[in-house]
């Protein structure tokens, strides 16, 4: 026994789902065209994570802040444990206490551009 009138529900559900899919596709396309917001005042260095939160910046010992954010070449967050022993060219900013708080691992185009090399 069918108590639900499917002819009245189907167009409303279909149009709502179509709008949802359109919004998802448009936001994904917009996100791919926007560049990474690396501040101009961010400094550049070679970084090696030795044992988190300890790092080497240009072969000098330093430390990541407790809430440090490391963004990979694809702008996704990367955990410091995944970078142990690897050398990366990065741009970074410090927090008021002097610890490293924001890190951007540069991709090939950013590391070769003059803007990426000179903060």
C-alpha atoms as a PDB file:
ATOM      1  CA  UNK A   1       0.000   0.000   0.000  1.00  0.00           C
ATOM      2  CA  UNK A   2       1.554   3.284  -1.139  1.00  0.00           C
ATOM      3  CA  UNK A   3       0.616   6.181   1.167  1.00  0.00           C
ATOM      4  CA  UNK A   4       3.163   8.646  -0.142  1.00  0.00           C
ATOM      5  CA  UNK A   5       2.419  10.664  -3.245  1.00  0.00           C
ATOM      6  CA  UNK A   6       5.798  10.430  -4.961  1.00  0.00           C
ATOM      7  CA  UNK A   7       4.830  12.778  -7.807  1.00  0.00           C
ATOM      8  CA  UNK A   8       4.707  15.774  -5.424  1.00  0.00           C
ATOM      9  CA  UNK A   9       7.942  15.008  -3.554  1.00  0.00           C
ATOM     10  CA  UNK A  10      10.189  14.060  -6.444  1.00  0.00           C
ATOM     11  CA  UNK A  11      10.593  17.493  -8.174  1.00  0.00           C
ATOM     12  CA  UNK A  12      11.272  19.296  -4.893  1.00  0.00           C
ATOM     13  CA  UNK A  13      13.907  16.796  -3.812  1.00  0.00           C
ATOM     14  CA  UNK A  14      15.493  16.718  -7.256  1.00  0.00           C
ATOM     15  CA  UNK A  15      15.761  20.517  -7.529  1.00  0.00           C
ATOM     16  CA  UNK A  16      17.212  20.814  -3.996  1.00  0.00           C
ATOM     17  CA  UNK A  17      19.774  18.108  -4.714  1.00  0.00           C
ATOM     18  CA  UNK A  18      20.689  19.751  -8.039  1.00  0.00           C
ATOM     19  CA  UNK A  19      21.279  23.100  -6.317  1.00  0.00           C
ATOM     20  CA  UNK A  20      23.425  21.411  -3.681  1.00  0.00           C
ATOM     21  CA  UNK A  21      25.575  19.709  -6.345  1.00  0.00           C
ATOM     22  CA  UNK A  22      25.934  22.962  -8.271  1.00  0.00           C
ATOM     23  CA  UNK A  23      27.117  24.782  -5.133  1.00  0.00           C
ATOM     24  CA  UNK A  24      29.672  22.048  -4.411  1.00  0.00           C
ATOM     25  CA  UNK A  25      31.058  22.106  -7.950  1.00  0.00           C
ATOM     26  CA  UNK A  26      31.296  25.901  -8.047  1.00  0.00           C
ATOM     27  CA  UNK A  27      33.047  26.120  -4.677  1.00  0.00           C
ATOM     28  CA  UNK A  28      35.557  23.428  -5.674  1.00  0.00           C
ATOM     29  CA  UNK A  29      36.368  25.212  -8.926  1.00  0.00           C
ATOM     30  CA  UNK A  30      36.753  28.548  -7.131  1.00  0.00           C
ATOM     31  CA  UNK A  31      39.091  26.998  -4.567  1.00  0.00           C
ATOM     32  CA  UNK A  32      41.434  25.761  -7.283  1.00  0.00           C
ATOM     33  CA  UNK A  33      41.863  29.190  -8.857  1.00  0.00           C
ATOM     34  CA  UNK A  34      42.671  31.116  -5.681  1.00  0.00           C
ATOM     35  CA  UNK A  35      46.394  31.404  -4.885  1.00  0.00           C
ATOM     36  CA  UNK A  36      47.923  30.622  -1.526  1.00  0.00           C
ATOM     37  CA  UNK A  37      47.743  33.540   0.903  1.00  0.00           C
ATOM     38  CA  UNK A  38      51.385  33.580   2.018  1.00  0.00           C
ATOM     39  CA  UNK A  39      52.100  36.932   3.714  1.00  0.00           C
ATOM     40  CA  UNK A  40      54.895  39.026   2.216  1.00  0.00           C
ATOM     41  CA  UNK A  41      56.515  39.421   5.640  1.00  0.00           C
ATOM     42  CA  UNK A  42      56.960  35.641   5.994  1.00  0.00           C
ATOM     43  CA  UNK A  43      60.621  34.692   6.091  1.00  0.00           C
ATOM     44  CA  UNK A  44      62.183  32.001   3.920  1.00  0.00           C
ATOM     45  CA  UNK A  45      64.395  29.135   5.126  1.00  0.00           C
ATOM     46  CA  UNK A  46      65.349  25.489   4.743  1.00  0.00           C
ATOM     47  CA  UNK A  47      63.477  23.526   7.411  1.00  0.00           C
ATOM     48  CA  UNK A  48      64.112  20.030   8.751  1.00  0.00           C
ATOM     49  CA  UNK A  49      61.894  18.572  11.472  1.00  0.00           C
ATOM     50  CA  UNK A  50      64.228  16.649  13.787  1.00  0.00           C
ATOM     51  CA  UNK A  51      61.894  15.506  16.558  1.00  0.00           C
ATOM     52  CA  UNK A  52      58.591  17.381  16.801  1.00  0.00           C
ATOM     53  CA  UNK A  53      58.301  20.163  17.902  1.00  0.00           C
ATOM     54  CA  UNK A  54      62.051  20.672  17.388  1.00  0.00           C
ATOM     55  CA  UNK A  55      63.210  21.799  13.947  1.00  0.00           C
ATOM     56  CA  UNK A  56      66.310  23.065  12.205  1.00  0.00           C
ATOM     57  CA  UNK A  57      65.917  26.336  10.305  1.00  0.00           C
ATOM     58  CA  UNK A  58      68.940  26.914   8.071  1.00  0.00           C
ATOM     59  CA  UNK A  59      70.823  24.385  10.260  1.00  0.00           C
ATOM     60  CA  UNK A  60      70.031  26.320  13.478  1.00  0.00           C
ATOM     61  CA  UNK A  61      67.859  24.719  16.193  1.00  0.00           C
ATOM     62  CA  UNK A  62      64.382  26.173  16.637  1.00  0.00           C
ATOM     63  CA  UNK A  63      60.973  25.119  17.916  1.00  0.00           C
ATOM     64  CA  UNK A  64      57.393  24.968  16.627  1.00  0.00           C
ATOM     65  CA  UNK A  65      54.698  26.604  18.747  1.00  0.00           C
ATOM     66  CA  UNK A  66      52.075  24.359  20.403  1.00  0.00           C
ATOM     67  CA  UNK A  67      49.468  25.304  17.802  1.00  0.00           C
ATOM     68  CA  UNK A  68      51.768  25.461  14.776  1.00  0.00           C
ATOM     69  CA  UNK A  69      50.172  25.022  11.356  1.00  0.00           C
ATOM     70  CA  UNK A  70      52.245  23.530   8.556  1.00  0.00           C
ATOM     71  CA  UNK A  71      50.751  23.754   5.078  1.00  0.00           C
ATOM     72  CA  UNK A  72      52.083  21.470   2.358  1.00  0.00           C
ATOM     73  CA  UNK A  73      52.716  22.384  -1.290  1.00  0.00           C
ATOM     74  CA  UNK A  74      49.029  21.683  -2.011  1.00  0.00           C
ATOM     75  CA  UNK A  75      47.974  24.007   0.859  1.00  0.00           C
ATOM     76  CA  UNK A  76      46.670  21.120   2.987  1.00  0.00           C
ATOM     77  CA  UNK A  77      47.670  20.822   6.634  1.00  0.00           C
ATOM     78  CA  UNK A  78      50.605  18.500   7.278  1.00  0.00           C
ATOM     79  CA  UNK A  79      51.545  17.021  10.647  1.00  0.00           C
ATOM     80  CA  UNK A  80      55.098  17.702  11.769  1.00  0.00           C
ATOM     81  CA  UNK A  81      55.670  13.993  12.416  1.00  0.00           C
ATOM     82  CA  UNK A  82      55.242  13.285   8.709  1.00  0.00           C
ATOM     83  CA  UNK A  83      58.149  15.619   7.885  1.00  0.00           C
ATOM     84  CA  UNK A  84      60.807  14.144  10.193  1.00  0.00           C
ATOM     85  CA  UNK A  85      64.213  14.046   8.514  1.00  0.00           C
ATOM     86  CA  UNK A  86      63.104  15.719   5.268  1.00  0.00           C
ATOM     87  CA  UNK A  87      64.477  19.066   4.083  1.00  0.00           C
ATOM     88  CA  UNK A  88      61.929  21.560   2.717  1.00  0.00           C
ATOM     89  CA  UNK A  89      62.143  25.117   1.454  1.00  0.00           C
ATOM     90  CA  UNK A  90      59.554  27.002   3.520  1.00  0.00           C
ATOM     91  CA  UNK A  91      58.173  30.418   4.318  1.00  0.00           C
ATOM     92  CA  UNK A  92      57.351  30.878   8.001  1.00  0.00           C
ATOM     93  CA  UNK A  93      56.071  33.330  10.589  1.00  0.00           C
ATOM     94  CA  UNK A  94      56.705  33.465  14.317  1.00  0.00           C
ATOM     95  CA  UNK A  95      54.297  34.046  17.181  1.00  0.00           C
ATOM     96  CA  UNK A  96      54.924  36.820  19.762  1.00  0.00           C
ATOM     97  CA  UNK A  97      56.877  34.396  22.001  1.00  0.00           C
ATOM     98  CA  UNK A  98      59.350  33.747  19.177  1.00  0.00           C
ATOM     99  CA  UNK A  99      58.327  30.199  18.283  1.00  0.00           C
ATOM    100  CA  UNK A 100      57.426  29.227  14.709  1.00  0.00           C
ATOM    101  CA  UNK A 101      53.657  29.323  14.283  1.00  0.00           C
ATOM    102  CA  UNK A 102      52.820  29.345  10.544  1.00  0.00           C
ATOM    103  CA  UNK A 103      54.768  27.350   7.936  1.00  0.00           C
ATOM    104  CA  UNK A 104      54.168  27.067   4.202  1.00  0.00           C
ATOM    105  CA  UNK A 105      56.145  24.404   2.321  1.00  0.00           C
ATOM    106  CA  UNK A 106      56.860  25.936  -1.076  1.00  0.00           C
ATOM    107  CA  UNK A 107      55.972  24.082  -4.259  1.00  0.00           C
ATOM    108  CA  UNK A 108      58.180  24.147  -7.383  1.00  0.00           C
ATOM    109  CA  UNK A 109      56.704  27.317  -8.894  1.00  0.00           C
ATOM    110  CA  UNK A 110      56.830  29.218  -5.588  1.00  0.00           C
ATOM    111  CA  UNK A 111      60.403  28.189  -4.838  1.00  0.00           C
ATOM    112  CA  UNK A 112      61.632  29.295  -8.278  1.00  0.00           C
ATOM    113  CA  UNK A 113      59.773  32.621  -8.443  1.00  0.00           C
ATOM    114  CA  UNK A 114      61.632  35.760  -7.307  1.00  0.00           C
ATOM    115  CA  UNK A 115      58.689  36.717  -5.070  1.00  0.00           C
ATOM    116  CA  UNK A 116      58.904  33.351  -3.282  1.00  0.00           C
ATOM    117  CA  UNK A 117      62.660  33.681  -2.807  1.00  0.00           C
ATOM    118  CA  UNK A 118      62.642  37.228  -1.394  1.00  0.00           C
ATOM    119  CA  UNK A 119      60.186  37.895   1.457  1.00  0.00           C
END
